[in-house]
Amino acid sequence: MHHLISTSRHAPAESTSDERRAVYTVIEAAHLLSLSRGSAYALVRNGTIPAIRMGNRWVIPKRRFHSWLDGTPESEAN
């Protein structure tokens, strides 16, 4: 009996450097910010990280994310 394992459905998101994508997932943003997944979701839900709710998922527009990050005072970034 052959067991086939499909990884395509459960594969991690493509690299965040893919310029064709207009958004990050919350998990990708968490990774970029060195935050836990839970902390990133909390910041998205309370509006700290700019995000858009699309159905049951959150997406973070790349341009707004980087503008927000660039505008964060250094005292808050540490």
PDB file of N, CA and C in Angstrom:
ATOM      1  N   MET A   1       0.845  -1.177   0.000  1.00  0.00           N
ATOM      2  CA  MET A   1       0.000   0.000   0.000  1.00  0.00           C
ATOM      3  C   MET A   1       0.894   1.245   0.000  1.00  0.00           C
ATOM      4  N   HIS A   2       0.592   2.148  -0.900  1.00  0.00           N
ATOM      5  CA  HIS A   2       1.365   3.385  -0.986  1.00  0.00           C
ATOM      6  C   HIS A   2       0.645   4.491  -0.225  1.00  0.00           C
ATOM      7  N   HIS A   3       1.420   5.217   0.526  1.00  0.00           N
ATOM      8  CA  HIS A   3       0.864   6.355   1.250  1.00  0.00           C
ATOM      9  C   HIS A   3       1.377   7.632   0.595  1.00  0.00           C
ATOM     10  N   LEU A   4       0.477   8.383   0.072  1.00  0.00           N
ATOM     11  CA  LEU A   4       0.851   9.650  -0.550  1.00  0.00           C
ATOM     12  C   LEU A   4       0.583  10.775   0.422  1.00  0.00           C
ATOM     13  N   ILE A   5       1.550  11.612   0.582  1.00  0.00           N
ATOM     14  CA  ILE A   5       1.398  12.759   1.467  1.00  0.00           C
ATOM     15  C   ILE A   5       1.440  14.009   0.617  1.00  0.00           C
ATOM     16  N   SER A   6       0.382  14.741   0.663  1.00  0.00           N
ATOM     17  CA  SER A   6       0.315  15.989  -0.085  1.00  0.00           C
ATOM     18  C   SER A   6       0.664  17.136   0.844  1.00  0.00           C
ATOM     19  N   THR A   7       1.699  17.875   0.497  1.00  0.00           N
ATOM     20  CA  THR A   7       2.095  19.014   1.322  1.00  0.00           C
ATOM     21  C   THR A   7       1.588  20.327   0.767  1.00  0.00           C
ATOM     22  N   SER A   8       1.008  20.297  -0.424  1.00  0.00           N
ATOM     23  CA  SER A   8       0.590  21.554  -1.047  1.00  0.00           C
ATOM     24  C   SER A   8      -0.503  22.261  -0.250  1.00  0.00           C
ATOM     25  N   ARG A   9      -1.401  21.512   0.343  1.00  0.00           N
ATOM     26  CA  ARG A   9      -2.499  22.133   1.082  1.00  0.00           C
ATOM     27  C   ARG A   9      -2.037  22.705   2.417  1.00  0.00           C
ATOM     28  N   HIS A  10      -1.020  22.115   2.996  1.00  0.00           N
ATOM     29  CA  HIS A  10      -0.563  22.529   4.312  1.00  0.00           C
ATOM     30  C   HIS A  10       0.807  23.191   4.274  1.00  0.00           C
ATOM     31  N   ALA A  11       1.279  23.492   3.102  1.00  0.00           N
ATOM     32  CA  ALA A  11       2.596  24.106   2.983  1.00  0.00           C
ATOM     33  C   ALA A  11       2.562  25.515   3.542  1.00  0.00           C
ATOM     34  N   PRO A  12       3.663  25.970   4.158  1.00  0.00           N
ATOM     35  CA  PRO A  12       3.703  27.334   4.667  1.00  0.00           C
ATOM     36  C   PRO A  12       3.588  28.342   3.533  1.00  0.00           C
ATOM     37  N   ALA A  13       3.206  29.547   3.874  1.00  0.00           N
ATOM     38  CA  ALA A  13       3.058  30.606   2.873  1.00  0.00           C
ATOM     39  C   ALA A  13       4.387  30.844   2.169  1.00  0.00           C
ATOM     40  N   GLU A  14       4.292  31.285   0.951  1.00  0.00           N
ATOM     41  CA  GLU A  14       5.496  31.602   0.195  1.00  0.00           C
ATOM     42  C   GLU A  14       6.292  32.686   0.906  1.00  0.00           C
ATOM     43  N   SER A  15       7.506  32.852   0.517  1.00  0.00           N
ATOM     44  CA  SER A  15       8.372  33.852   1.106  1.00  0.00           C
ATOM     45  C   SER A  15       7.708  35.224   1.102  1.00  0.00           C
ATOM     46  N   THR A  16       7.908  35.969   2.181  1.00  0.00           N
ATOM     47  CA  THR A  16       7.306  37.289   2.293  1.00  0.00           C
ATOM     48  C   THR A  16       7.938  38.285   1.332  1.00  0.00           C
ATOM     49  N   SER A  17       9.027  37.890   0.655  1.00  0.00           N
ATOM     50  CA  SER A  17       9.668  38.801  -0.285  1.00  0.00           C
ATOM     51  C   SER A  17       9.022  38.757  -1.670  1.00  0.00           C
ATOM     52  N   ASP A  18       7.987  37.951  -1.850  1.00  0.00           N
ATOM     53  CA  ASP A  18       7.294  37.868  -3.128  1.00  0.00           C
ATOM     54  C   ASP A  18       6.608  39.192  -3.414  1.00  0.00           C
ATOM     55  N   GLU A  19       7.135  39.942  -4.347  1.00  0.00           N
ATOM     56  CA  GLU A  19       6.647  41.294  -4.635  1.00  0.00           C
ATOM     57  C   GLU A  19       5.267  41.321  -5.276  1.00  0.00           C
ATOM     58  N   ARG A  20       4.815  40.219  -5.833  1.00  0.00           N
ATOM     59  CA  ARG A  20       3.512  40.205  -6.491  1.00  0.00           C
ATOM     60  C   ARG A  20       2.363  40.222  -5.493  1.00  0.00           C
ATOM     61  N   ARG A  21       2.594  39.786  -4.289  1.00  0.00           N
ATOM     62  CA  ARG A  21       1.539  39.768  -3.279  1.00  0.00           C
ATOM     63  C   ARG A  21       1.394  41.152  -2.663  1.00  0.00           C
ATOM     64  N   ALA A  22       0.165  41.584  -2.475  1.00  0.00           N
ATOM     65  CA  ALA A  22      -0.106  42.915  -1.933  1.00  0.00           C
ATOM     66  C   ALA A  22      -0.287  42.892  -0.418  1.00  0.00           C
ATOM     67  N   VAL A  23      -0.379  41.701   0.163  1.00  0.00           N
ATOM     68  CA  VAL A  23      -0.665  41.602   1.596  1.00  0.00           C
ATOM     69  C   VAL A  23       0.248  40.587   2.283  1.00  0.00           C
ATOM     70  N   TYR A  24       0.346  40.750   3.598  1.00  0.00           N
ATOM     71  CA  TYR A  24       0.968  39.756   4.467  1.00  0.00           C
ATOM     72  C   TYR A  24      -0.134  39.054   5.243  1.00  0.00           C
ATOM     73  N   THR A  25       0.136  37.849   5.673  1.00  0.00           N
ATOM     74  CA  THR A  25      -0.738  37.206   6.650  1.00  0.00           C
ATOM     75  C   THR A  25      -0.305  37.712   8.022  1.00  0.00           C
ATOM     76  N   VAL A  26      -1.140  37.492   9.015  1.00  0.00           N
ATOM     77  CA  VAL A  26      -0.777  37.902  10.376  1.00  0.00           C
ATOM     78  C   VAL A  26       0.464  37.144  10.833  1.00  0.00           C
ATOM     79  N   ILE A  27       0.569  35.899  10.451  1.00  0.00           N
ATOM     80  CA  ILE A  27       1.727  35.092  10.846  1.00  0.00           C
ATOM     81  C   ILE A  27       3.006  35.624  10.197  1.00  0.00           C
ATOM     82  N   GLU A  28       2.927  36.044   8.941  1.00  0.00           N
ATOM     83  CA  GLU A  28       4.094  36.634   8.284  1.00  0.00           C
ATOM     84  C   GLU A  28       4.500  37.934   8.970  1.00  0.00           C
ATOM     85  N   ALA A  29       3.518  38.756   9.319  1.00  0.00           N
ATOM     86  CA  ALA A  29       3.820  40.011  10.018  1.00  0.00           C
ATOM     87  C   ALA A  29       4.432  39.716  11.387  1.00  0.00           C
ATOM     88  N   ALA A  30       3.913  38.710  12.080  1.00  0.00           N
ATOM     89  CA  ALA A  30       4.470  38.324  13.378  1.00  0.00           C
ATOM     90  C   ALA A  30       5.938  37.956  13.231  1.00  0.00           C
ATOM     91  N   HIS A  31       6.247  37.198  12.204  1.00  0.00           N
ATOM     92  CA  HIS A  31       7.631  36.798  11.953  1.00  0.00           C
ATOM     93  C   HIS A  31       8.510  38.022  11.678  1.00  0.00           C
ATOM     94  N   LEU A  32       8.013  38.939  10.833  1.00  0.00           N
ATOM     95  CA  LEU A  32       8.776  40.150  10.516  1.00  0.00           C
ATOM     96  C   LEU A  32       9.040  41.008  11.747  1.00  0.00           C
ATOM     97  N   LEU A  33       8.113  40.991  12.691  1.00  0.00           N
ATOM     98  CA  LEU A  33       8.225  41.805  13.897  1.00  0.00           C
ATOM     99  C   LEU A  33       8.810  41.042  15.089  1.00  0.00           C
ATOM    100  N   SER A  34       9.156  39.781  14.890  1.00  0.00           N
ATOM    101  CA  SER A  34       9.657  38.912  15.969  1.00  0.00           C
ATOM    102  C   SER A  34       8.674  38.837  17.127  1.00  0.00           C
ATOM    103  N   LEU A  35       7.401  38.660  16.788  1.00  0.00           N
ATOM    104  CA  LEU A  35       6.340  38.531  17.776  1.00  0.00           C
ATOM    105  C   LEU A  35       5.753  37.129  17.724  1.00  0.00           C
ATOM    106  N   SER A  36       5.101  36.747  18.809  1.00  0.00           N
ATOM    107  CA  SER A  36       4.366  35.486  18.774  1.00  0.00           C
ATOM    108  C   SER A  36       3.119  35.677  17.918  1.00  0.00           C
ATOM    109  N   ARG A  37       2.578  34.593  17.470  1.00  0.00           N
ATOM    110  CA  ARG A  37       1.352  34.643  16.668  1.00  0.00           C
ATOM    111  C   ARG A  37       0.217  35.296  17.451  1.00  0.00           C
ATOM    112  N   GLY A  38       0.071  34.920  18.709  1.00  0.00           N
ATOM    113  CA  GLY A  38      -0.981  35.477  19.555  1.00  0.00           C
ATOM    114  C   GLY A  38      -0.841  36.981  19.744  1.00  0.00           C
ATOM    115  N   SER A  39       0.388  37.444  19.962  1.00  0.00           N
ATOM    116  CA  SER A  39       0.621  38.883  20.127  1.00  0.00           C
ATOM    117  C   SER A  39       0.282  39.634  18.849  1.00  0.00           C
ATOM    118  N   ALA A  40       0.662  39.079  17.716  1.00  0.00           N
ATOM    119  CA  ALA A  40       0.370  39.732  16.437  1.00  0.00           C
ATOM    120  C   ALA A  40      -1.133  39.821  16.205  1.00  0.00           C
ATOM    121  N   TYR A  41      -1.863  38.733  16.487  1.00  0.00           N
ATOM    122  CA  TYR A  41      -3.317  38.770  16.326  1.00  0.00           C
ATOM    123  C   TYR A  41      -3.944  39.800  17.260  1.00  0.00           C
ATOM    124  N   ALA A  42      -3.448  39.896  18.482  1.00  0.00           N
ATOM    125  CA  ALA A  42      -3.981  40.884  19.430  1.00  0.00           C
ATOM    126  C   ALA A  42      -3.761  42.300  18.906  1.00  0.00           C
ATOM    127  N   LEU A  43      -2.584  42.572  18.340  1.00  0.00           N
ATOM    128  CA  LEU A  43      -2.292  43.899  17.803  1.00  0.00           C
ATOM    129  C   LEU A  43      -3.119  44.205  16.557  1.00  0.00           C
ATOM    130  N   VAL A  44      -3.418  43.194  15.778  1.00  0.00           N
ATOM    131  CA  VAL A  44      -4.292  43.377  14.611  1.00  0.00           C
ATOM    132  C   VAL A  44      -5.718  43.675  15.076  1.00  0.00           C
ATOM    133  N   ARG A  45      -6.202  42.888  16.019  1.00  0.00           N
ATOM    134  CA  ARG A  45      -7.581  43.069  16.503  1.00  0.00           C
ATOM    135  C   ARG A  45      -7.789  44.430  17.161  1.00  0.00           C
ATOM    136  N   ASN A  46      -6.779  44.940  17.881  1.00  0.00           N
ATOM    137  CA  ASN A  46      -6.976  46.226  18.551  1.00  0.00           C
ATOM    138  C   ASN A  46      -6.618  47.414  17.658  1.00  0.00           C
ATOM    139  N   GLY A  47      -6.211  47.144  16.413  1.00  0.00           N
ATOM    140  CA  GLY A  47      -5.960  48.210  15.456  1.00  0.00           C
ATOM    141  C   GLY A  47      -4.552  48.766  15.450  1.00  0.00           C
ATOM    142  N   THR A  48      -3.668  48.231  16.267  1.00  0.00           N
ATOM    143  CA  THR A  48      -2.287  48.719  16.293  1.00  0.00           C
ATOM    144  C   THR A  48      -1.587  48.414  14.973  1.00  0.00           C
ATOM    145  N   ILE A  49      -1.699  47.178  14.517  1.00  0.00           N
ATOM    146  CA  ILE A  49      -1.159  46.800  13.212  1.00  0.00           C
ATOM    147  C   ILE A  49      -2.285  46.997  12.198  1.00  0.00           C
ATOM    148  N   PRO A  50      -2.039  47.781  11.138  1.00  0.00           N
ATOM    149  CA  PRO A  50      -3.103  48.034  10.151  1.00  0.00           C
ATOM    150  C   PRO A  50      -3.458  46.758   9.392  1.00  0.00           C
ATOM    151  N   ALA A  51      -4.716  46.400   9.429  1.00  0.00           N
ATOM    152  CA  ALA A  51      -5.168  45.160   8.793  1.00  0.00           C
ATOM    153  C   ALA A  51      -6.603  45.305   8.317  1.00  0.00           C
ATOM    154  N   ILE A  52      -6.998  44.400   7.440  1.00  0.00           N
ATOM    155  CA  ILE A  52      -8.348  44.372   6.889  1.00  0.00           C
ATOM    156  C   ILE A  52      -8.923  42.989   7.151  1.00  0.00           C
ATOM    157  N   ARG A  53     -10.145  42.956   7.644  1.00  0.00           N
ATOM    158  CA  ARG A  53     -10.838  41.687   7.862  1.00  0.00           C
ATOM    159  C   ARG A  53     -11.507  41.279   6.554  1.00  0.00           C
ATOM    160  N   MET A  54     -11.177  40.103   6.058  1.00  0.00           N
ATOM    161  CA  MET A  54     -11.765  39.579   4.821  1.00  0.00           C
ATOM    162  C   MET A  54     -12.401  38.238   5.157  1.00  0.00           C
ATOM    163  N   GLY A  55     -13.693  38.277   5.408  1.00  0.00           N
ATOM    164  CA  GLY A  55     -14.369  37.054   5.827  1.00  0.00           C
ATOM    165  C   GLY A  55     -13.882  36.652   7.199  1.00  0.00           C
ATOM    166  N   ASN A  56     -13.334  35.456   7.296  1.00  0.00           N
ATOM    167  CA  ASN A  56     -12.833  34.954   8.579  1.00  0.00           C
ATOM    168  C   ASN A  56     -11.342  35.160   8.774  1.00  0.00           C
ATOM    169  N   ARG A  57     -10.705  35.874   7.860  1.00  0.00           N
ATOM    170  CA  ARG A  57      -9.260  36.047   8.011  1.00  0.00           C
ATOM    171  C   ARG A  57      -8.873  37.512   7.946  1.00  0.00           C
ATOM    172  N   TRP A  58      -7.724  37.784   8.501  1.00  0.00           N
ATOM    173  CA  TRP A  58      -7.147  39.115   8.469  1.00  0.00           C
ATOM    174  C   TRP A  58      -6.038  39.138   7.424  1.00  0.00           C
ATOM    175  N   VAL A  59      -5.935  40.237   6.694  1.00  0.00           N
ATOM    176  CA  VAL A  59      -4.799  40.458   5.803  1.00  0.00           C
ATOM    177  C   VAL A  59      -4.212  41.824   6.137  1.00  0.00           C
ATOM    178  N   ILE A  60      -2.931  41.943   5.931  1.00  0.00           N
ATOM    179  CA  ILE A  60      -2.220  43.174   6.258  1.00  0.00           C
ATOM    180  C   ILE A  60      -1.619  43.723   4.976  1.00  0.00           C
ATOM    181  N   PRO A  61      -2.169  44.842   4.474  1.00  0.00           N
ATOM    182  CA  PRO A  61      -1.613  45.428   3.244  1.00  0.00           C
ATOM    183  C   PRO A  61      -0.142  45.802   3.452  1.00  0.00           C
ATOM    184  N   LYS A  62       0.705  45.337   2.555  1.00  0.00           N
ATOM    185  CA  LYS A  62       2.143  45.544   2.702  1.00  0.00           C
ATOM    186  C   LYS A  62       2.515  47.020   2.810  1.00  0.00           C
ATOM    187  N   ARG A  63       1.977  47.851   1.937  1.00  0.00           N
ATOM    188  CA  ARG A  63       2.342  49.271   1.954  1.00  0.00           C
ATOM    189  C   ARG A  63       1.943  49.935   3.274  1.00  0.00           C
ATOM    190  N   ARG A  64       0.719  49.655   3.727  1.00  0.00           N
ATOM    191  CA  ARG A  64       0.278  50.240   5.000  1.00  0.00           C
ATOM    192  C   ARG A  64       1.100  49.712   6.162  1.00  0.00           C
ATOM    193  N   PHE A  65       1.444  48.440   6.130  1.00  0.00           N
ATOM    194  CA  PHE A  65       2.261  47.852   7.191  1.00  0.00           C
ATOM    195  C   PHE A  65       3.612  48.547   7.273  1.00  0.00           C
ATOM    196  N   HIS A  66       4.276  48.701   6.126  1.00  0.00           N
ATOM    197  CA  HIS A  66       5.609  49.311   6.140  1.00  0.00           C
ATOM    198  C   HIS A  66       5.547  50.793   6.465  1.00  0.00           C
ATOM    199  N   SER A  67       4.494  51.485   6.019  1.00  0.00           N
ATOM    200  CA  SER A  67       4.324  52.891   6.396  1.00  0.00           C
ATOM    201  C   SER A  67       4.117  53.012   7.899  1.00  0.00           C
ATOM    202  N   TRP A  68       3.275  52.133   8.448  1.00  0.00           N
ATOM    203  CA  TRP A  68       3.047  52.123   9.896  1.00  0.00           C
ATOM    204  C   TRP A  68       4.341  51.840  10.631  1.00  0.00           C
ATOM    205  N   LEU A  69       5.090  50.853  10.175  1.00  0.00           N
ATOM    206  CA  LEU A  69       6.332  50.478  10.838  1.00  0.00           C
ATOM    207  C   LEU A  69       7.350  51.605  10.763  1.00  0.00           C
ATOM    208  N   ASP A  70       7.464  52.243   9.615  1.00  0.00           N
ATOM    209  CA  ASP A  70       8.411  53.354   9.459  1.00  0.00           C
ATOM    210  C   ASP A  70       8.030  54.545  10.327  1.00  0.00           C
ATOM    211  N   GLY A  71       6.745  54.701  10.638  1.00  0.00           N
ATOM    212  CA  GLY A  71       6.284  55.820  11.438  1.00  0.00           C
ATOM    213  C   GLY A  71       6.266  55.561  12.925  1.00  0.00           C
ATOM    214  N   THR A  72       6.617  54.328  13.343  1.00  0.00           N
ATOM    215  CA  THR A  72       6.622  53.990  14.756  1.00  0.00           C
ATOM    216  C   THR A  72       7.827  54.635  15.425  1.00  0.00           C
ATOM    217  N   PRO A  73       7.616  55.435  16.465  1.00  0.00           N
ATOM    218  CA  PRO A  73       8.758  56.029  17.178  1.00  0.00           C
ATOM    219  C   PRO A  73       9.684  54.949  17.732  1.00  0.00           C
ATOM    220  N   GLU A  74      10.968  55.254  17.782  1.00  0.00           N
ATOM    221  CA  GLU A  74      11.945  54.266  18.243  1.00  0.00           C
ATOM    222  C   GLU A  74      11.638  53.772  19.646  1.00  0.00           C
ATOM    223  N   SER A  75      11.137  54.632  20.521  1.00  0.00           N
ATOM    224  CA  SER A  75      10.855  54.214  21.894  1.00  0.00           C
ATOM    225  C   SER A  75       9.774  53.135  21.949  1.00  0.00           C
ATOM    226  N   GLU A  76       8.844  53.128  20.982  1.00  0.00           N
ATOM    227  CA  GLU A  76       7.808  52.108  20.941  1.00  0.00           C
ATOM    228  C   GLU A  76       8.289  50.836  20.270  1.00  0.00           C
ATOM    229  N   ALA A  77       9.280  50.949  19.389  1.00  0.00           N
ATOM    230  CA  ALA A  77       9.756  49.779  18.635  1.00  0.00           C
ATOM    231  C   ALA A  77      10.569  48.838  19.495  1.00  0.00           C
ATOM    232  N   ASN A  78      11.099  49.294  20.597  1.00  0.00           N
ATOM    233  CA  ASN A  78      11.930  48.433  21.453  1.00  0.00           C
ATOM    234  C   ASN A  78      11.185  47.867  22.588  1.00  0.00           C
TER     235      ASN A  78
END
